[in-house]
Amino acid sequence: MLIPARAFWDLDLYRWWMWQGLHQGVWPVLDGDWVYPAGAVLPMLLPALVDAVGTQPYAVAWSALITLLDAVAVVVLLRCAGRPARADLVRGDVAAPGRDPAVGAWWWLAFVLLLGPVAVGRLDAVVAPVVVIALAVALRHPAVASALLTFGAWVKVAPGALLLPLVLVLRRPWRDLVLPAAAVCAVVAGAVAAGGGLGHLTSFLGEQGERGLQVESVAATPFVLAGIAGGIGGDPVRVVLNQEITTWEIAGPGTAAVAGALGVLLPVALAAVTGLLAWVRLRTGDRLDTAGFLARGALLVAVTLILANKVGSPQFVGWLAGPVVVGLARPGAGGVRSWRVPAALVLVVAALTQVVFPIAYDGITAQQVGPSLVLVLRNLLLVALLVAVARDLVRVGRAGSRATGPGEGVRVSAPAA
């Protein structure tokens, strides 16, 4: 009633793709290139089995699916977050005083409310509970976590990057991470091959190449400010509609170069994050607090994927939820208090993102000052979140180094027989 219907407009696109498959026999990936990985067909298809013709019944069925997935994730969170890590993970899963997994669940409800309809009406809403479940069970069932994150990557790519902090704490990464991930990939590839679409399996990797710099992206922030200030060097900076993919992009001097540079910057940024996580892991050795490390590492990876991305879709903020939910439920040695800053920042970012889209989006595309400044503030807080999480991890690494002491070296648990 209160939010424009366009907040759910992606669902009608999902419905149309599934209607084509069910009624005309033309399926995404199987019969042509697609913007999403092949696994995205599954969550789109389930509501279509209820109704692929009517927009409203499909949207209701989709919302019911997301609610069910979130409920399953909460049950798993409450059951698993209080259990100690398995022996084949690095020691250090310290039970924080007063640990209460329900704190993470309550925070998640607040996050969904503040982020608004895009927290439910987008494909990213499917992978959010998958990430919560994967991180919640990772300390006891790393192979299950690996399989879930890999499946999530075949739905929306981003969850696959969360394997980075997990691999650093496993004593048997080949068995507990590589093999389960390979098995999931084999199942997906086999299903696509059986349907005759093997040639389109990786088409999603090239579908983003022609995109410009999306107006909501963090890298577009200086251009958004330049646009409301009158341009750059006398040349205008405009917000324009990319008709082919229906996204609003920023266009002006230097925007194309920035969009191109981000294609290189994203893997470089992920490599830098991996280096930081590896440094923390080596510095702490046996003393690694695995619960805190996994959650903070996952949050750092998620916010990096947002910051170094030329696509700034509002639903990307949903990637931040899973790590914070599990971090609050299983905070590690620092307790819930150590999560206050990132948890608060993510909630504020979620609220501002709902203002950006759908509430004030017309004002942003029209380059009005007020809505544009809300977008700028949201993007600056994302940068602040990156700094806060990276700082916390650096402190963990330094504390581990001091605990080890000079001359002792780093003690890493020996591999299990």
Protein backbone atom coordinates (compact mmCIF):
# COMPACT_ATOMS: atom_id res chain seq x y z
CA MET A 1 0.00 0.00 0.00
CA LEU A 2 2.75 2.44 0.94
CA ILE A 3 5.63 1.40 -1.32
CA PRO A 4 5.38 1.75 -5.12
CA ALA A 5 4.69 -1.51 -6.92
CA ARG A 6 7.97 -1.17 -8.82
CA ALA A 7 9.77 -2.31 -5.67
CA PHE A 8 8.67 -5.81 -6.68
CA TRP A 9 9.03 -5.39 -10.43
CA ASP A 10 11.85 -7.92 -10.70
CA LEU A 11 9.40 -10.61 -9.62
CA ASP A 12 7.32 -10.05 -12.72
CA LEU A 13 10.44 -10.61 -14.81
CA TYR A 14 11.12 -13.86 -12.94
CA ARG A 15 7.50 -14.89 -13.53
CA TRP A 16 7.75 -14.11 -17.25
CA TRP A 17 10.91 -16.20 -17.66
CA MET A 18 9.26 -19.15 -15.92
CA TRP A 19 6.03 -18.70 -17.93
CA GLN A 20 8.11 -18.96 -21.10
CA GLY A 21 9.66 -22.18 -19.84
CA LEU A 22 6.46 -23.81 -18.60
CA HIS A 23 4.18 -22.75 -21.46
CA GLN A 24 6.51 -22.28 -24.45
CA GLY A 25 9.39 -24.60 -23.60
CA VAL A 26 11.97 -21.80 -23.74
CA TRP A 27 14.12 -21.88 -20.60
CA PRO A 28 16.82 -19.49 -19.35
CA VAL A 29 20.35 -20.92 -19.78
CA LEU A 30 19.05 -24.03 -21.58
CA ASP A 31 17.92 -22.06 -24.63
CA GLY A 32 20.15 -18.99 -24.54
CA ASP A 33 22.50 -16.79 -22.53
CA TRP A 34 21.20 -15.49 -19.20
CA VAL A 35 22.16 -12.73 -16.81
CA TYR A 36 21.96 -15.05 -13.77
CA PRO A 37 23.75 -18.32 -12.96
CA ALA A 38 21.85 -21.49 -13.80
CA GLY A 39 20.86 -22.26 -10.20
CA ALA A 40 18.64 -19.17 -10.11
CA VAL A 41 16.05 -21.08 -12.15
CA LEU A 42 15.11 -23.21 -9.12
CA PRO A 43 13.86 -20.46 -6.75
CA MET A 44 12.15 -18.69 -9.65
CA LEU A 45 10.41 -21.89 -10.73
CA LEU A 46 8.91 -22.87 -7.35
CA PRO A 47 6.44 -19.92 -7.14
CA ALA A 48 5.65 -20.39 -10.83
CA LEU A 49 4.35 -23.88 -10.03
CA VAL A 50 1.67 -22.10 -8.00
CA ASP A 51 0.89 -19.53 -10.71
CA ALA A 52 3.05 -18.37 -13.60
CA VAL A 53 0.33 -16.25 -15.22
CA GLY A 54 -0.78 -13.76 -12.59
CA THR A 55 1.65 -11.20 -11.23
CA GLN A 56 0.06 -10.99 -7.78
CA PRO A 57 -0.25 -14.75 -7.10
CA TYR A 58 3.39 -15.23 -8.16
CA ALA A 59 4.51 -12.41 -5.85
CA VAL A 60 2.56 -13.89 -2.93
CA ALA A 61 4.00 -17.35 -3.58
CA TRP A 62 7.51 -15.86 -3.83
CA SER A 63 7.07 -14.00 -0.53
CA ALA A 64 5.86 -17.20 1.12
CA LEU A 65 8.94 -19.03 -0.18
CA ILE A 66 11.28 -16.36 1.22
CA THR A 67 9.46 -16.42 4.56
CA LEU A 68 9.80 -20.19 4.74
CA LEU A 69 13.53 -20.07 3.90
CA ASP A 70 14.10 -17.36 6.51
CA ALA A 71 12.20 -19.41 9.10
CA VAL A 72 14.34 -22.47 8.39
CA ALA A 73 17.46 -20.31 8.71
CA VAL A 74 16.32 -18.98 12.09
CA VAL A 75 15.66 -22.52 13.38
CA VAL A 76 19.12 -23.64 12.26
CA LEU A 77 20.66 -20.50 13.78
CA LEU A 78 19.02 -21.10 17.16
CA ARG A 79 19.99 -24.78 17.20
CA CYS A 80 23.55 -24.55 15.89
CA ALA A 81 24.97 -21.22 16.98
CA GLY A 82 25.35 -22.32 20.58
CA ARG A 83 27.31 -25.49 19.84
CA PRO A 84 31.11 -25.71 19.97
CA ALA A 85 33.23 -26.17 16.88
CA ARG A 86 34.27 -29.59 15.64
CA ALA A 87 37.75 -30.80 16.51
CA ASP A 88 38.94 -30.65 12.90
CA LEU A 89 38.63 -26.86 12.87
CA VAL A 90 41.23 -24.63 14.44
CA ARG A 91 40.80 -24.31 18.18
CA GLY A 92 39.53 -21.04 19.58
CA ASP A 93 35.75 -21.18 19.41
CA VAL A 94 35.45 -19.50 22.77
CA ALA A 95 31.99 -19.46 24.30
CA ALA A 96 31.22 -15.80 24.88
CA PRO A 97 29.52 -14.97 28.19
CA GLY A 98 25.79 -14.56 27.74
CA ARG A 99 25.78 -15.85 24.15
CA ASP A 100 22.21 -15.74 22.87
CA PRO A 101 21.54 -16.88 19.29
CA ALA A 102 18.15 -15.13 19.40
CA VAL A 103 19.94 -11.76 19.31
CA GLY A 104 20.93 -12.46 15.72
CA ALA A 105 17.38 -13.47 14.80
CA TRP A 106 15.88 -10.30 16.26
CA TRP A 107 18.50 -8.19 14.49
CA TRP A 108 17.59 -9.91 11.20
CA LEU A 109 13.92 -8.98 11.63
CA ALA A 110 14.94 -5.35 12.17
CA PHE A 111 17.20 -5.48 9.11
CA VAL A 112 14.43 -6.80 6.83
CA LEU A 113 12.03 -4.14 8.08
CA LEU A 114 14.56 -1.34 7.53
CA LEU A 115 15.74 -2.52 4.10
CA GLY A 116 12.14 -2.87 2.98
CA PRO A 117 10.69 -4.64 -0.05
CA VAL A 118 14.01 -5.36 -1.76
CA ALA A 119 14.86 -7.55 1.25
CA VAL A 120 12.09 -9.87 0.06
CA GLY A 121 11.35 -9.15 -3.60
CA ARG A 122 14.72 -9.92 -5.16
CA LEU A 123 16.76 -13.03 -5.92
CA ASP A 124 19.22 -11.98 -3.21
CA ALA A 125 16.51 -12.75 -0.65
CA VAL A 126 16.97 -16.44 -1.52
CA VAL A 127 20.70 -16.50 -0.83
CA ALA A 128 20.47 -14.55 2.46
CA PRO A 129 19.04 -17.49 4.47
CA VAL A 130 21.39 -19.87 2.65
CA VAL A 131 24.35 -17.79 3.88
CA VAL A 132 22.95 -17.69 7.43
CA ILE A 133 22.58 -21.48 7.50
CA ALA A 134 26.02 -22.03 5.97
CA LEU A 135 27.81 -19.77 8.46
CA ALA A 136 25.79 -21.15 11.39
CA VAL A 137 26.80 -24.76 10.66
CA ALA A 138 30.31 -24.03 9.35
CA LEU A 139 32.08 -24.71 12.64
CA ARG A 140 30.66 -28.22 12.97
CA HIS A 141 29.81 -29.16 9.40
CA PRO A 142 32.19 -27.30 7.07
CA ALA A 143 31.40 -29.60 4.12
CA VAL A 144 27.71 -28.68 4.39
CA ALA A 145 28.64 -24.99 4.58
CA SER A 146 30.83 -25.34 1.49
CA ALA A 147 28.03 -27.03 -0.46
CA LEU A 148 25.49 -24.39 0.58
CA LEU A 149 27.74 -21.44 -0.28
CA THR A 150 28.55 -23.01 -3.65
CA PHE A 151 24.85 -23.51 -4.35
CA GLY A 152 24.31 -19.87 -3.34
CA ALA A 153 26.99 -18.87 -5.85
CA TRP A 154 25.06 -20.70 -8.59
CA VAL A 155 22.05 -18.55 -7.66
CA LYS A 156 23.66 -15.10 -7.22
CA VAL A 157 27.50 -15.46 -7.37
CA ALA A 158 28.33 -13.43 -4.23
CA PRO A 159 27.98 -16.24 -1.62
CA GLY A 160 30.82 -18.14 -3.31
CA ALA A 161 33.28 -15.48 -2.18
CA LEU A 162 32.42 -16.27 1.45
CA LEU A 163 34.36 -19.50 1.07
CA LEU A 164 37.54 -17.42 1.47
CA PRO A 165 37.45 -17.09 5.29
CA LEU A 166 36.21 -20.67 5.66
CA VAL A 167 39.10 -22.25 3.78
CA LEU A 168 41.59 -20.50 6.05
CA VAL A 169 40.37 -22.28 9.20
CA LEU A 170 39.94 -25.79 7.83
CA ARG A 171 42.51 -28.46 8.60
CA ARG A 172 41.34 -30.59 5.68
CA PRO A 173 40.26 -28.08 3.03
CA TRP A 174 40.26 -30.57 0.15
CA ARG A 175 37.83 -32.88 1.88
CA ASP A 176 35.70 -30.29 3.66
CA LEU A 177 35.58 -27.50 1.08
CA VAL A 178 36.92 -28.34 -2.37
CA LEU A 179 35.18 -31.70 -2.86
CA PRO A 180 31.70 -30.56 -1.70
CA ALA A 181 31.97 -27.43 -3.85
CA ALA A 182 33.08 -29.48 -6.85
CA ALA A 183 30.19 -31.90 -6.32
CA VAL A 184 27.63 -29.08 -6.35
CA CYS A 185 29.20 -27.61 -9.49
CA ALA A 186 29.11 -31.04 -11.15
CA VAL A 187 25.40 -31.45 -10.34
CA VAL A 188 24.53 -28.01 -11.74
CA ALA A 189 26.63 -28.49 -14.86
CA GLY A 190 25.20 -31.98 -15.37
CA ALA A 191 21.62 -30.71 -15.11
CA VAL A 192 22.29 -27.91 -17.60
CA ALA A 193 24.07 -30.30 -19.96
CA ALA A 194 21.14 -32.72 -19.79
CA GLY A 195 18.86 -29.88 -20.86
CA GLY A 196 21.11 -29.00 -23.78
CA GLY A 197 22.39 -25.69 -22.41
CA LEU A 198 26.00 -26.48 -21.53
CA GLY A 199 27.23 -23.82 -23.94
CA HIS A 200 25.34 -21.16 -21.97
CA LEU A 201 26.41 -22.35 -18.49
CA THR A 202 28.89 -19.51 -17.90
CA SER A 203 27.11 -16.86 -19.98
CA PHE A 204 26.28 -14.87 -16.82
CA LEU A 205 29.96 -14.00 -16.45
CA GLY A 206 29.88 -11.88 -19.60
CA GLU A 207 26.41 -10.39 -19.27
CA GLN A 208 27.60 -7.55 -16.98
CA GLY A 209 30.43 -6.44 -19.24
CA GLU A 210 28.50 -3.76 -21.11
CA ARG A 211 27.08 -2.12 -18.02
CA GLY A 212 28.04 1.44 -17.21
CA LEU A 213 28.54 2.94 -13.76
CA GLN A 214 25.24 2.46 -11.92
CA VAL A 215 24.11 5.58 -10.10
CA GLU A 216 23.73 3.79 -6.73
CA SER A 217 27.25 2.31 -6.78
CA VAL A 218 29.77 3.61 -4.27
CA ALA A 219 32.23 4.50 -7.02
CA ALA A 220 29.59 6.79 -8.56
CA THR A 221 29.45 8.95 -5.41
CA PRO A 222 31.83 11.71 -6.63
CA PHE A 223 29.91 11.91 -9.89
CA VAL A 224 26.58 12.12 -8.08
CA LEU A 225 27.95 15.11 -6.14
CA ALA A 226 29.35 16.64 -9.33
CA GLY A 227 25.99 16.20 -11.03
CA ILE A 228 24.06 18.16 -8.40
CA ALA A 229 26.86 20.77 -8.32
CA GLY A 230 26.60 21.51 -12.06
CA GLY A 231 29.02 19.11 -13.73
CA ILE A 232 32.76 18.65 -14.18
CA GLY A 233 34.77 21.35 -15.90
CA GLY A 234 31.68 22.69 -17.60
CA ASP A 235 30.60 19.27 -18.86
CA PRO A 236 27.32 17.94 -17.45
CA VAL A 237 27.04 14.76 -15.40
CA ARG A 238 23.69 13.11 -16.00
CA VAL A 239 21.75 10.11 -14.78
CA VAL A 240 20.64 8.14 -17.83
CA LEU A 241 18.54 5.01 -18.35
CA ASN A 242 20.25 1.99 -19.87
CA GLN A 243 17.30 0.79 -21.93
CA GLU A 244 18.74 -2.66 -22.63
CA ILE A 245 18.97 -3.76 -19.00
CA THR A 246 16.66 -1.14 -17.41
CA THR A 247 19.15 0.38 -14.98
CA TRP A 248 19.97 3.98 -14.21
CA GLU A 249 23.62 4.88 -14.79
CA ILE A 250 25.73 7.98 -14.27
CA ALA A 251 27.25 9.47 -17.43
CA GLY A 252 29.85 12.20 -17.66
CA PRO A 253 33.59 12.84 -17.95
CA GLY A 254 35.48 9.86 -16.53
CA THR A 255 32.53 7.62 -15.72
CA ALA A 256 33.32 5.08 -18.44
CA ALA A 257 36.95 4.89 -17.28
CA VAL A 258 35.89 4.28 -13.67
CA ALA A 259 33.45 1.57 -14.74
CA GLY A 260 36.22 -0.14 -16.70
CA ALA A 261 38.71 0.17 -13.83
CA LEU A 262 36.30 -1.48 -11.41
CA GLY A 263 36.40 -4.63 -13.51
CA VAL A 264 40.08 -4.90 -12.53
CA LEU A 265 39.72 -3.46 -9.04
CA LEU A 266 37.17 -6.02 -7.83
CA PRO A 267 39.45 -9.10 -8.08
CA VAL A 268 42.38 -7.04 -6.75
CA ALA A 269 40.29 -5.95 -3.75
CA LEU A 270 39.25 -9.55 -3.07
CA ALA A 271 42.90 -10.60 -3.27
CA ALA A 272 43.79 -7.90 -0.72
CA VAL A 273 41.03 -9.08 1.60
CA THR A 274 42.27 -12.65 1.26
CA GLY A 275 45.76 -11.45 2.16
CA LEU A 276 44.49 -9.70 5.29
CA LEU A 277 42.53 -12.75 6.39
CA ALA A 278 45.53 -15.01 5.79
CA TRP A 279 47.72 -12.66 7.84
CA VAL A 280 45.27 -12.75 10.75
CA ARG A 281 45.10 -16.53 10.51
CA LEU A 282 48.88 -16.95 10.58
CA ARG A 283 49.36 -14.44 13.40
CA THR A 284 46.82 -16.06 15.68
CA GLY A 285 47.67 -19.72 15.04
CA ASP A 286 46.03 -22.04 17.58
CA ARG A 287 44.56 -19.02 19.35
CA LEU A 288 42.27 -18.11 16.47
CA ASP A 289 38.72 -17.31 17.55
CA THR A 290 37.08 -19.18 14.66
CA ALA A 291 33.55 -17.92 15.31
CA GLY A 292 34.53 -14.26 15.22
CA PHE A 293 36.98 -14.77 12.36
CA LEU A 294 34.44 -16.49 10.09
CA ALA A 295 31.71 -13.92 10.65
CA ARG A 296 33.99 -10.87 10.37
CA GLY A 297 35.82 -12.34 7.39
CA ALA A 298 32.52 -13.00 5.63
CA LEU A 299 31.32 -9.46 6.37
CA LEU A 300 34.56 -7.97 5.06
CA VAL A 301 34.24 -9.98 1.83
CA ALA A 302 30.57 -8.95 1.43
CA VAL A 303 31.16 -5.23 1.89
CA THR A 304 34.18 -5.40 -0.45
CA LEU A 305 31.99 -6.95 -3.15
CA ILE A 306 29.64 -3.97 -2.81
CA LEU A 307 32.27 -1.23 -2.67
CA ALA A 308 34.36 -2.41 -5.63
CA ASN A 309 31.34 -3.08 -7.87
CA LYS A 310 30.14 -0.89 -10.73
CA VAL A 311 26.67 -2.32 -10.15
CA GLY A 312 25.17 -0.79 -7.02
CA SER A 313 21.75 -2.41 -6.89
CA PRO A 314 20.01 -1.80 -3.52
CA GLN A 315 19.44 -5.51 -2.90
CA PHE A 316 23.21 -5.99 -2.64
CA VAL A 317 22.95 -4.61 0.90
CA GLY A 318 21.23 -7.89 1.74
CA TRP A 319 24.62 -9.58 1.40
CA LEU A 320 25.65 -7.93 4.67
CA ALA A 321 22.89 -9.55 6.71
CA GLY A 322 24.10 -13.15 6.97
CA PRO A 323 27.53 -12.45 8.50
CA VAL A 324 26.08 -9.99 11.04
CA VAL A 325 23.23 -12.35 11.98
CA VAL A 326 25.67 -15.18 12.70
CA GLY A 327 28.19 -12.81 14.27
CA LEU A 328 25.61 -11.62 16.80
CA ALA A 329 24.36 -15.14 17.44
CA ARG A 330 27.86 -16.57 17.82
CA PRO A 331 30.07 -13.55 18.54
CA GLY A 332 33.17 -15.42 19.73
CA ALA A 333 35.47 -14.30 22.49
CA GLY A 334 34.61 -10.61 22.19
CA GLY A 335 30.92 -11.13 22.93
CA VAL A 336 28.00 -9.27 21.40
CA ARG A 337 29.53 -5.95 22.42
CA SER A 338 32.30 -6.41 19.84
CA TRP A 339 29.60 -6.46 17.13
CA ARG A 340 27.81 -3.28 18.17
CA VAL A 341 29.47 -0.98 15.64
CA PRO A 342 29.13 -3.14 12.49
CA ALA A 343 25.60 -4.24 13.48
CA ALA A 344 24.48 -0.64 14.01
CA LEU A 345 26.16 0.55 10.80
CA VAL A 346 24.46 -2.15 8.73
CA LEU A 347 21.04 -1.27 10.15
CA VAL A 348 21.53 2.40 9.29
CA VAL A 349 22.77 1.46 5.82
CA ALA A 350 19.65 -0.70 5.36
CA ALA A 351 17.32 2.14 6.38
CA LEU A 352 19.05 4.64 4.08
CA THR A 353 18.95 2.10 1.25
CA GLN A 354 15.16 1.86 1.54
CA VAL A 355 15.02 5.65 1.30
CA VAL A 356 17.24 5.47 -1.79
CA PHE A 357 15.03 2.78 -3.32
CA PRO A 358 12.13 2.81 -3.73
CA ILE A 359 11.10 5.85 -1.67
CA ALA A 360 13.31 8.60 -3.15
CA TYR A 361 14.56 6.92 -6.32
CA ASP A 362 12.74 9.32 -8.65
CA GLY A 363 14.53 12.19 -6.94
CA ILE A 364 17.90 10.51 -7.36
CA THR A 365 17.39 9.85 -11.06
CA ALA A 366 16.22 13.48 -11.41
CA GLN A 367 19.41 14.57 -9.58
CA GLN A 368 17.58 16.36 -6.79
CA VAL A 369 19.85 17.51 -3.98
CA GLY A 370 18.11 15.94 -0.96
CA PRO A 371 17.67 12.37 -2.28
CA SER A 372 21.15 12.43 -3.84
CA LEU A 373 22.72 13.38 -0.51
CA VAL A 374 20.93 10.46 1.17
CA LEU A 375 22.58 8.17 -1.39
CA VAL A 376 25.96 9.79 -0.74
CA LEU A 377 25.58 9.32 3.02
CA ARG A 378 24.62 5.67 2.55
CA ASN A 379 27.73 5.08 0.44
CA LEU A 380 30.02 6.81 2.93
CA LEU A 381 28.66 4.57 5.70
CA LEU A 382 29.49 1.52 3.59
CA VAL A 383 33.08 2.76 3.42
CA ALA A 384 33.01 3.30 7.20
CA LEU A 385 31.77 -0.27 7.63
CA LEU A 386 34.69 -1.60 5.59
CA VAL A 387 37.14 0.37 7.71
CA ALA A 388 35.53 -0.78 10.98
CA VAL A 389 35.56 -4.48 10.07
CA ALA A 390 39.11 -4.36 8.67
CA ARG A 391 40.27 -2.54 11.82
CA ASP A 392 38.73 -5.22 14.03
CA LEU A 393 40.50 -7.96 12.07
CA VAL A 394 43.83 -6.13 12.22
CA ARG A 395 43.44 -5.85 16.00
CA VAL A 396 42.81 -9.58 16.19
CA GLY A 397 45.97 -10.24 14.19
CA ARG A 398 48.09 -7.93 16.33
CA ALA A 399 46.70 -9.39 19.54
CA GLY A 400 47.51 -12.87 18.30
CA SER A 401 51.04 -11.80 17.45
CA ARG A 402 51.58 -10.37 20.94
CA ALA A 403 50.12 -13.52 22.52
CA THR A 404 52.50 -15.68 20.53
CA GLY A 405 55.46 -13.63 21.63
CA PRO A 406 58.88 -13.20 20.04
CA GLY A 407 60.69 -16.36 19.19
CA GLU A 408 57.70 -18.66 19.63
CA GLY A 409 56.55 -18.54 16.02
CA VAL A 410 53.06 -19.31 14.89
CA ARG A 411 51.65 -22.60 16.06
CA VAL A 412 49.17 -24.11 13.64
CA SER A 413 47.20 -27.20 14.56
CA ALA A 414 48.62 -30.31 12.94
CA PRO A 415 46.44 -31.91 10.27
CA ALA A 416 44.23 -34.71 11.45
CA ALA A 417 45.30 -38.23 10.60
